[in-house]
């Protein structure tokens, strides 16, 4: 993300071992850290930023990060989720979507930050953290759950286009880390229910197949 933002902005990258004291010079701080590390990072930097500095995260879930930002930072906070990764956006942001959840921030400041990304071609989606996590429990957490479960399927000579669509999904999912997978399954409060609904539906379909097979066999 930072390579695209560099085109029109001055960017500083802070790693774990970097001295964080110069954070006070920043107008915007983007927290690009694993979800399970967000709280500790926020605690570390909260005393090193100015009151008017705007803080935003880019985690794949939004309810939990929003709660952390509200608890420790309180003001000038935005929860966001870029719906793209380094591979898909390596040539730019144009056409890619990004979710913005304004938490406790003045309207003009929110518009200003959002404009940084929309000026680079991002399509903005504004919603609440709850709405985000409810939708992402299906469109992300469940998809990754399916992709991980498809580990044993391989390319083969005889296959339909739908089979190759499954292979493509599996490849994309497996490019992400197990850490991200577990975080989106555990830290999204709606993911468990979606997985259970899917598993129950699979079991129900399997039951119907079994019952139908018995009827067919009994005819013969």
Protein backbone atom coordinates (compact mmCIF):
# COMPACT_ATOMS: atom_id res chain seq x y z
CA UNK A 1 0.00 0.00 0.00
CA UNK A 2 2.74 2.46 0.92
CA UNK A 3 4.24 2.41 -2.61
CA UNK A 4 0.99 3.75 -4.07
CA UNK A 5 0.54 6.31 -1.30
CA UNK A 6 4.11 7.58 -1.81
CA UNK A 7 3.08 9.11 -5.15
CA UNK A 8 1.37 12.06 -3.45
CA UNK A 9 2.34 11.84 0.22
CA UNK A 10 5.38 11.74 2.47
CA UNK A 11 5.51 8.26 4.00
CA UNK A 12 7.45 6.99 7.01
CA UNK A 13 7.48 3.28 7.79
CA UNK A 14 7.84 2.24 11.41
CA UNK A 15 8.86 -1.34 12.12
CA UNK A 16 8.90 -3.13 15.46
CA UNK A 17 12.45 -2.10 16.23
CA UNK A 18 12.02 1.51 15.02
CA UNK A 19 12.09 4.36 17.51
CA UNK A 20 8.48 5.60 17.68
CA UNK A 21 9.19 9.05 19.14
CA UNK A 22 8.97 10.78 15.73
CA UNK A 23 5.33 9.66 15.43
CA UNK A 24 4.51 13.06 16.85
CA UNK A 25 5.45 14.51 13.45
CA UNK A 26 2.78 12.47 11.63
CA UNK A 27 -0.63 13.79 10.59
CA UNK A 28 -1.90 10.27 9.88
CA UNK A 29 -0.74 6.96 11.38
CA UNK A 30 -1.81 3.75 9.61
CA UNK A 31 -1.60 0.67 11.81
CA UNK A 32 -0.75 -2.19 9.45
CA UNK A 33 -0.15 -4.93 12.02
CA UNK A 34 -1.60 -8.42 12.68
CA UNK A 35 -4.99 -8.22 14.33
CA UNK A 36 -3.84 -10.04 17.45
CA UNK A 37 -1.02 -7.48 17.92
CA UNK A 38 -3.12 -4.35 17.47
CA UNK A 39 -3.85 -3.70 21.14
CA UNK A 40 -0.20 -3.88 22.20
CA UNK A 41 0.87 -1.58 19.35
CA UNK A 42 -1.82 0.98 20.16
CA UNK A 43 -0.79 0.98 23.82
CA UNK A 44 2.83 1.53 22.76
CA UNK A 45 2.18 4.53 20.52
CA UNK A 46 -0.70 6.31 22.28
CA UNK A 47 1.64 8.49 24.33
CA UNK A 48 3.80 9.38 21.32
CA UNK A 49 1.21 10.94 19.01
CA UNK A 50 -0.30 14.41 18.94
CA UNK A 51 -3.91 14.94 19.93
CA UNK A 52 -4.80 15.96 16.37
CA UNK A 53 -3.04 13.00 14.73
CA UNK A 54 -5.50 10.72 12.93
CA UNK A 55 -5.18 6.98 13.58
CA UNK A 56 -6.52 4.28 11.29
CA UNK A 57 -6.13 0.52 11.15
CA UNK A 58 -6.33 -1.80 8.12
CA UNK A 59 -7.34 -5.06 9.82
CA UNK A 60 -9.58 -7.63 8.15
CA UNK A 61 -12.14 -7.43 10.97
CA UNK A 62 -13.56 -4.20 12.31
CA UNK A 63 -15.55 -4.69 15.53
CA UNK A 64 -12.54 -5.69 17.63
CA UNK A 65 -10.08 -3.06 16.26
CA UNK A 66 -12.74 -0.36 16.61
CA UNK A 67 -13.20 -1.25 20.26
CA UNK A 68 -9.43 -1.05 20.84
CA UNK A 69 -9.08 2.31 19.06
CA UNK A 70 -11.99 3.77 21.02
CA UNK A 71 -10.59 2.52 24.31
CA UNK A 72 -6.98 3.71 23.97
CA UNK A 73 -6.99 6.53 21.38
CA UNK A 74 -10.57 7.82 21.70
CA UNK A 75 -10.47 10.71 19.17
CA UNK A 76 -9.52 11.11 15.49
CA UNK A 77 -9.91 7.40 14.70
CA UNK A 78 -11.02 5.54 11.57
CA UNK A 79 -11.37 1.79 11.12
CA UNK A 80 -10.67 0.69 7.54
CA UNK A 81 -10.29 -2.48 5.50
CA UNK A 82 -8.71 -2.41 2.01
CA UNK A 83 -10.48 -5.20 0.10
CA UNK A 84 -7.30 -6.01 -1.81
CA UNK A 85 -3.78 -7.21 -1.09
CA UNK A 86 -0.24 -6.49 -2.26
CA UNK A 87 -0.56 -8.79 -5.29
CA UNK A 88 -3.87 -7.49 -6.62
CA UNK A 89 -2.92 -3.83 -6.09
CA UNK A 90 0.72 -3.97 -7.17
CA UNK A 91 -0.07 -1.84 -10.25
CA UNK A 92 -2.25 0.67 -8.40
CA UNK A 93 -5.49 1.18 -6.48
CA UNK A 94 -7.77 1.98 -9.42
CA UNK A 95 -11.00 -0.02 -9.23
CA UNK A 96 -10.22 -1.61 -5.86
CA UNK A 97 -12.62 -1.24 -2.94
CA UNK A 98 -11.86 -0.01 0.56
CA UNK A 99 -14.18 -0.01 3.59
CA UNK A 100 -14.20 3.06 5.84
CA UNK A 101 -15.79 3.03 9.29
CA UNK A 102 -15.60 6.55 10.80
CA UNK A 103 -15.50 6.13 14.58
CA UNK A 104 -14.80 9.34 16.48
CA UNK A 105 -13.60 11.90 13.95
CA UNK A 106 -14.78 15.24 12.61
CA UNK A 107 -16.55 14.99 9.27
CA UNK A 108 -14.08 17.25 7.46
CA UNK A 109 -11.12 15.22 8.72
CA UNK A 110 -12.76 11.96 7.66
CA UNK A 111 -13.45 13.32 4.18
CA UNK A 112 -9.85 14.52 3.92
CA UNK A 113 -8.42 11.10 4.80
CA UNK A 114 -10.84 9.23 2.56
CA UNK A 115 -9.92 11.55 -0.32
CA UNK A 116 -6.27 10.44 -0.09
CA UNK A 117 -7.38 6.99 -1.23
CA UNK A 118 -10.22 7.91 -3.59
CA UNK A 119 -7.87 10.26 -5.44
CA UNK A 120 -5.74 7.17 -6.16
CA UNK A 121 -8.73 5.35 -7.67
CA UNK A 122 -10.11 3.51 -4.65
CA UNK A 123 -13.88 2.94 -4.53
CA UNK A 124 -15.02 3.78 -0.99
CA UNK A 125 -17.60 1.85 1.03
CA UNK A 126 -18.83 3.47 4.26
CA UNK A 127 -20.44 1.28 6.91
CA UNK A 128 -20.38 0.42 10.60
CA UNK A 129 -17.89 -2.09 12.06
CA UNK A 130 -20.78 -4.47 12.78
CA UNK A 131 -22.08 -4.30 9.21
CA UNK A 132 -18.56 -4.92 7.90
CA UNK A 133 -17.95 -7.99 10.05
CA UNK A 134 -21.35 -9.48 9.30
CA UNK A 135 -20.72 -9.29 5.56
CA UNK A 136 -17.06 -10.33 5.76
CA UNK A 137 -17.98 -13.39 7.82
CA UNK A 138 -19.50 -14.70 4.59
CA UNK A 139 -17.44 -13.10 1.83
CA UNK A 140 -14.03 -13.54 3.47
CA UNK A 141 -13.98 -15.82 6.51
CA UNK A 142 -16.23 -18.46 4.94
CA UNK A 143 -14.39 -18.29 1.60
CA UNK A 144 -11.04 -18.78 3.33
CA UNK A 145 -12.54 -21.65 5.33
CA UNK A 146 -13.61 -23.33 2.07
CA UNK A 147 -10.27 -22.63 0.44
CA UNK A 148 -8.33 -24.22 3.30
CA UNK A 149 -10.61 -27.26 3.16
CA UNK A 150 -9.80 -27.75 -0.55
CA UNK A 151 -6.16 -28.59 0.13
CA UNK A 152 -6.36 -32.03 -1.50
CA UNK A 153 -7.74 -31.01 -4.89
CA UNK A 154 -5.19 -30.82 -7.71
CA UNK A 155 -5.20 -29.86 -11.41
CA UNK A 156 -6.27 -32.77 -13.64
CA UNK A 157 -6.88 -33.45 -17.31
CA UNK A 158 -10.60 -34.14 -17.00
CA UNK A 159 -12.20 -31.18 -15.26
CA UNK A 160 -14.98 -28.64 -15.69
CA UNK A 161 -14.43 -24.86 -15.59
CA UNK A 162 -16.04 -24.82 -12.12
CA UNK A 163 -13.33 -27.18 -10.88
CA UNK A 164 -10.65 -24.73 -12.00
CA UNK A 165 -12.55 -21.92 -10.29
CA UNK A 166 -12.18 -23.90 -7.06
CA UNK A 167 -8.45 -24.33 -7.72
CA UNK A 168 -8.09 -20.59 -8.27
CA UNK A 169 -9.88 -19.84 -5.00
CA UNK A 170 -7.72 -22.35 -3.15
CA UNK A 171 -4.50 -20.84 -4.55
CA UNK A 172 -5.49 -17.32 -3.53
CA UNK A 173 -6.45 -18.40 -0.01
CA UNK A 174 -3.25 -20.34 0.51
CA UNK A 175 -1.19 -17.27 -0.37
CA UNK A 176 -2.30 -15.76 2.95
CA UNK A 177 -0.79 -16.78 6.27
CA UNK A 178 -2.31 -19.14 8.82
CA UNK A 179 -2.11 -16.25 11.30
CA UNK A 180 -4.46 -14.17 9.14
CA UNK A 181 -6.76 -17.18 8.65
CA UNK A 182 -7.09 -17.86 12.38
CA UNK A 183 -7.56 -14.16 13.16
CA UNK A 184 -10.42 -13.73 10.68
CA UNK A 185 -12.10 -16.91 11.98
CA UNK A 186 -11.65 -16.18 15.69
CA UNK A 187 -11.74 -12.38 15.92
CA UNK A 188 -14.73 -11.83 13.62
CA UNK A 189 -17.67 -12.30 16.04
CA UNK A 190 -19.94 -13.53 13.22
CA UNK A 191 -17.59 -16.04 11.54
CA UNK A 192 -18.37 -19.00 13.81
CA UNK A 193 -22.11 -18.83 13.08
CA UNK A 194 -21.48 -18.70 9.33
CA UNK A 195 -19.16 -21.72 9.48
CA UNK A 196 -21.70 -23.69 11.52
CA UNK A 197 -24.51 -22.85 9.09
CA UNK A 198 -22.36 -24.02 6.19
CA UNK A 199 -21.26 -27.25 7.93
CA UNK A 200 -24.86 -28.04 8.90
CA UNK A 201 -25.97 -27.46 5.31
CA UNK A 202 -23.23 -29.79 4.02
CA UNK A 203 -24.31 -32.47 6.50
CA UNK A 204 -27.93 -31.99 5.48
CA UNK A 205 -27.07 -32.40 1.80
CA UNK A 206 -24.99 -35.49 2.59
CA UNK A 207 -27.97 -36.94 4.48
CA UNK A 208 -30.25 -36.33 1.48
CA UNK A 209 -27.76 -38.03 -0.84
CA UNK A 210 -27.60 -41.04 1.48
CA UNK A 211 -31.40 -41.30 1.71
CA UNK A 212 -31.75 -40.98 -2.05
CA UNK A 213 -29.08 -43.62 -2.67
CA UNK A 214 -30.89 -46.10 -0.42
CA UNK A 215 -34.12 -45.60 -2.36
CA UNK A 216 -32.33 -46.18 -5.68
CA UNK A 217 -30.56 -49.29 -4.37
CA UNK A 218 -33.83 -50.70 -2.99
CA UNK A 219 -35.42 -50.41 -6.44
CA UNK A 220 -32.73 -52.63 -7.84
